[in-house]
Amino acid sequence: MAIETKYICTGGCGGEVTKEEFEAGKTTCGTEGCPHHGKTFEQRLYCTECKAFVEEGHSH
């Protein structure tokens, strides 16, 4: 199982960036019209094998 960290917008636009992009400065949603435009992305764990986000602390 391969888990990586992604940062996502929870405003419904579907925006997401990798850990590297987040650390390089892409930290907020830039989608015009999104309710979370300008708000900081939230960290999530992502399984690259099944292509799904997983909850921290839960077995996958």
C-alpha atoms as a PDB file:
ATOM      1  CA  MET A   1       0.000   0.000   0.000  1.00  0.00           C
ATOM      2  CA  ALA A   2       1.386   3.385  -0.999  1.00  0.00           C
ATOM      3  CA  ILE A   3       0.092   6.331   0.995  1.00  0.00           C
ATOM      4  CA  GLU A   4       1.004   9.904   0.129  1.00  0.00           C
ATOM      5  CA  THR A   5       0.032  13.267   1.546  1.00  0.00           C
ATOM      6  CA  LYS A   6      -2.176  15.539  -0.544  1.00  0.00           C
ATOM      7  CA  TYR A   7      -3.754  18.858   0.254  1.00  0.00           C
ATOM      8  CA  ILE A   8      -7.335  19.418  -0.897  1.00  0.00           C
ATOM      9  CA  CYS A   9      -9.964  22.113  -1.082  1.00  0.00           C
ATOM     10  CA  THR A  10     -13.063  21.160   0.880  1.00  0.00           C
ATOM     11  CA  GLY A  11     -15.204  23.777  -0.834  1.00  0.00           C
ATOM     12  CA  GLY A  12     -16.432  21.485  -3.579  1.00  0.00           C
ATOM     13  CA  CYS A  13     -14.233  22.595  -6.491  1.00  0.00           C
ATOM     14  CA  GLY A  14     -12.061  19.458  -6.334  1.00  0.00           C
ATOM     15  CA  GLY A  15      -8.798  21.373  -6.042  1.00  0.00           C
ATOM     16  CA  GLU A  16      -5.817  19.404  -4.756  1.00  0.00           C
ATOM     17  CA  VAL A  17      -2.042  19.757  -4.639  1.00  0.00           C
ATOM     18  CA  THR A  18       0.810  17.458  -3.674  1.00  0.00           C
ATOM     19  CA  LYS A  19       2.883  17.883  -0.533  1.00  0.00           C
ATOM     20  CA  GLU A  20       5.701  19.292  -2.669  1.00  0.00           C
ATOM     21  CA  GLU A  21       3.400  21.865  -4.308  1.00  0.00           C
ATOM     22  CA  PHE A  22       1.986  22.868  -0.910  1.00  0.00           C
ATOM     23  CA  GLU A  23       5.475  23.316   0.540  1.00  0.00           C
ATOM     24  CA  ALA A  24       6.449  25.360  -2.544  1.00  0.00           C
ATOM     25  CA  GLY A  25       3.705  27.877  -1.793  1.00  0.00           C
ATOM     26  CA  LYS A  26       0.462  26.609  -3.367  1.00  0.00           C
ATOM     27  CA  THR A  27      -1.425  26.663  -0.087  1.00  0.00           C
ATOM     28  CA  THR A  28      -4.828  28.151  -0.891  1.00  0.00           C
ATOM     29  CA  CYS A  29      -7.697  27.503  -3.271  1.00  0.00           C
ATOM     30  CA  GLY A  30      -7.475  29.673  -6.365  1.00  0.00           C
ATOM     31  CA  THR A  31     -10.714  28.619  -8.032  1.00  0.00           C
ATOM     32  CA  GLU A  32     -12.952  31.615  -8.678  1.00  0.00           C
ATOM     33  CA  GLY A  33     -16.499  30.924  -7.516  1.00  0.00           C
ATOM     34  CA  CYS A  34     -15.480  28.241  -5.005  1.00  0.00           C
ATOM     35  CA  PRO A  35     -16.863  28.926  -1.511  1.00  0.00           C
ATOM     36  CA  HIS A  36     -13.347  28.269  -0.136  1.00  0.00           C
ATOM     37  CA  HIS A  37     -11.499  30.523  -2.610  1.00  0.00           C
ATOM     38  CA  GLY A  38      -8.486  31.946  -0.772  1.00  0.00           C
ATOM     39  CA  LYS A  39      -8.755  29.470   2.117  1.00  0.00           C
ATOM     40  CA  THR A  40      -5.945  27.079   3.031  1.00  0.00           C
ATOM     41  CA  PHE A  41      -6.041  23.539   1.659  1.00  0.00           C
ATOM     42  CA  GLU A  42      -6.592  20.722   4.180  1.00  0.00           C
ATOM     43  CA  GLN A  43      -4.166  17.820   4.538  1.00  0.00           C
ATOM     44  CA  ARG A  44      -5.398  14.333   3.627  1.00  0.00           C
ATOM     45  CA  LEU A  45      -3.821  10.901   3.168  1.00  0.00           C
ATOM     46  CA  TYR A  46      -4.226   9.336  -0.290  1.00  0.00           C
ATOM     47  CA  CYS A  47      -3.790   5.691  -1.330  1.00  0.00           C
ATOM     48  CA  THR A  48      -2.118   5.582  -4.739  1.00  0.00           C
ATOM     49  CA  GLU A  49      -3.130   1.945  -5.263  1.00  0.00           C
ATOM     50  CA  CYS A  50      -6.904   2.273  -4.901  1.00  0.00           C
ATOM     51  CA  LYS A  51      -7.018   6.018  -5.733  1.00  0.00           C
ATOM     52  CA  ALA A  52      -8.945   6.969  -2.601  1.00  0.00           C
ATOM     53  CA  PHE A  53      -8.473   9.255   0.374  1.00  0.00           C
ATOM     54  CA  VAL A  54      -8.075   7.428   3.690  1.00  0.00           C
ATOM     55  CA  GLU A  55      -8.654   8.597   7.233  1.00  0.00           C
ATOM     56  CA  GLU A  56      -5.602   8.968   9.409  1.00  0.00           C
ATOM     57  CA  GLY A  57      -5.399   6.279  12.066  1.00  0.00           C
ATOM     58  CA  HIS A  58      -7.590   3.791  10.193  1.00  0.00           C
ATOM     59  CA  SER A  59      -6.235   0.652   8.568  1.00  0.00           C
ATOM     60  CA  HIS A  60      -6.631   0.577   4.842  1.00  0.00           C
END
